[in-house]
């Protein structure tokens, strides 16, 4: 019997989530829109994807984030339900945020 080596990559799913960046949403539940409060260590272009319960992207935004601030997003065209807000830049994906649309 022989021996072999196993290498394990400690990635989290498809994207690795990075800590140090802070994102929060208000109001939540939301009716016509929400504000994303952000505090980022890497200023630049960020993509905000609204994903439904089936995993489909139903709305997508692109914003230029400086170090910290607030950005409003209109979701009045979406049906009521539970969504995930995914934020990513060119290098990283960040922990998704649950959003309830009334």
Protein backbone atom coordinates (compact mmCIF):
# COMPACT_ATOMS: atom_id res chain seq x y z
CA UNK A 1 0.00 0.00 0.00
CA UNK A 2 1.25 3.47 -0.94
CA UNK A 3 0.88 6.88 0.63
CA UNK A 4 -0.35 10.15 -0.83
CA UNK A 5 -0.66 13.81 0.19
CA UNK A 6 -3.94 15.72 0.34
CA UNK A 7 -4.01 19.52 0.06
CA UNK A 8 -7.10 21.35 1.34
CA UNK A 9 -7.92 24.86 0.12
CA UNK A 10 -9.72 26.74 2.92
CA UNK A 11 -11.96 28.81 0.62
CA UNK A 12 -15.57 29.57 1.54
CA UNK A 13 -17.75 28.34 -1.35
CA UNK A 14 -16.98 29.93 -4.68
CA UNK A 15 -15.91 33.32 -3.36
CA UNK A 16 -13.79 34.00 -0.32
CA UNK A 17 -15.41 36.53 1.97
CA UNK A 18 -13.16 39.26 3.31
CA UNK A 19 -13.45 40.83 6.72
CA UNK A 20 -12.53 44.43 7.42
CA UNK A 21 -15.17 45.83 5.07
CA UNK A 22 -18.45 46.80 6.73
CA UNK A 23 -21.86 46.90 5.05
CA UNK A 24 -25.33 47.37 6.53
CA UNK A 25 -28.79 48.06 5.12
CA UNK A 26 -31.63 50.24 6.36
CA UNK A 27 -34.57 50.26 6.46
CA UNK A 28 -35.01 46.51 6.57
CA UNK A 29 -37.75 45.53 5.78
CA UNK A 30 -37.78 47.98 2.87
CA UNK A 31 -40.66 49.11 0.66
CA UNK A 32 -39.37 51.14 -2.30
CA UNK A 33 -35.66 51.25 -1.63
CA UNK A 34 -32.86 50.85 0.88
CA UNK A 35 -29.69 52.62 1.89
CA UNK A 36 -26.44 50.70 1.97
CA UNK A 37 -24.09 52.05 4.62
CA UNK A 38 -20.50 51.12 3.82
CA UNK A 39 -17.03 51.39 5.30
CA UNK A 40 -14.38 50.00 2.94
CA UNK A 41 -10.61 49.75 3.09
CA UNK A 42 -10.27 49.62 -0.71
CA UNK A 43 -12.09 52.52 -2.46
CA UNK A 44 -13.31 51.82 -5.99
CA UNK A 45 -16.14 50.39 -8.06
CA UNK A 46 -18.43 47.97 -6.22
CA UNK A 47 -21.22 45.86 -7.69
CA UNK A 48 -24.40 45.37 -5.68
CA UNK A 49 -26.49 42.39 -6.77
CA UNK A 50 -29.99 41.66 -5.49
CA UNK A 51 -30.55 37.89 -5.54
CA UNK A 52 -33.95 36.20 -5.09
CA UNK A 53 -34.68 32.97 -3.19
CA UNK A 54 -34.05 30.93 -6.36
CA UNK A 55 -30.53 32.35 -6.66
CA UNK A 56 -31.30 34.56 -9.66
CA UNK A 57 -29.95 38.11 -9.90
CA UNK A 58 -33.06 40.30 -10.16
CA UNK A 59 -31.41 43.72 -9.92
CA UNK A 60 -27.84 44.94 -10.24
CA UNK A 61 -26.20 48.27 -9.41
CA UNK A 62 -22.69 49.64 -9.72
CA UNK A 63 -21.36 52.34 -7.39
CA UNK A 64 -18.09 54.07 -6.67
CA UNK A 65 -17.35 53.79 -2.94
CA UNK A 66 -14.89 56.01 -1.12
CA UNK A 67 -13.76 55.04 2.37
CA UNK A 68 -17.17 55.41 4.07
CA UNK A 69 -20.64 56.63 3.16
CA UNK A 70 -24.22 55.81 2.25
CA UNK A 71 -25.77 54.90 -1.10
CA UNK A 72 -29.51 54.62 -1.88
CA UNK A 73 -30.87 51.90 -4.20
CA UNK A 74 -34.37 51.81 -5.70
CA UNK A 75 -36.05 48.40 -5.52
CA UNK A 76 -39.64 49.54 -6.08
CA UNK A 77 -39.95 47.25 -9.12
CA UNK A 78 -39.26 44.08 -7.13
CA UNK A 79 -41.97 41.81 -5.73
CA UNK A 80 -42.29 41.36 -1.98
CA UNK A 81 -40.09 38.68 -0.49
CA UNK A 82 -36.71 37.75 0.91
CA UNK A 83 -33.57 38.68 -1.03
CA UNK A 84 -29.82 38.59 -0.56
CA UNK A 85 -27.77 41.70 -1.24
CA UNK A 86 -24.33 40.68 -2.53
CA UNK A 87 -21.57 43.28 -2.60
CA UNK A 88 -18.35 42.70 -4.51
CA UNK A 89 -15.45 44.60 -6.02
CA UNK A 90 -12.91 43.43 -8.61
CA UNK A 91 -11.06 41.32 -6.06
CA UNK A 92 -13.50 40.11 -3.42
CA UNK A 93 -17.03 39.09 -2.56
CA UNK A 94 -18.38 40.04 0.84
CA UNK A 95 -20.78 38.34 3.24
CA UNK A 96 -24.32 38.64 1.76
CA UNK A 97 -26.94 40.67 3.65
CA UNK A 98 -30.56 39.50 3.97
CA UNK A 99 -33.13 42.03 2.78
CA UNK A 100 -36.90 41.82 3.17
CA UNK A 101 -38.93 43.69 0.53
CA UNK A 102 -42.49 44.52 1.60
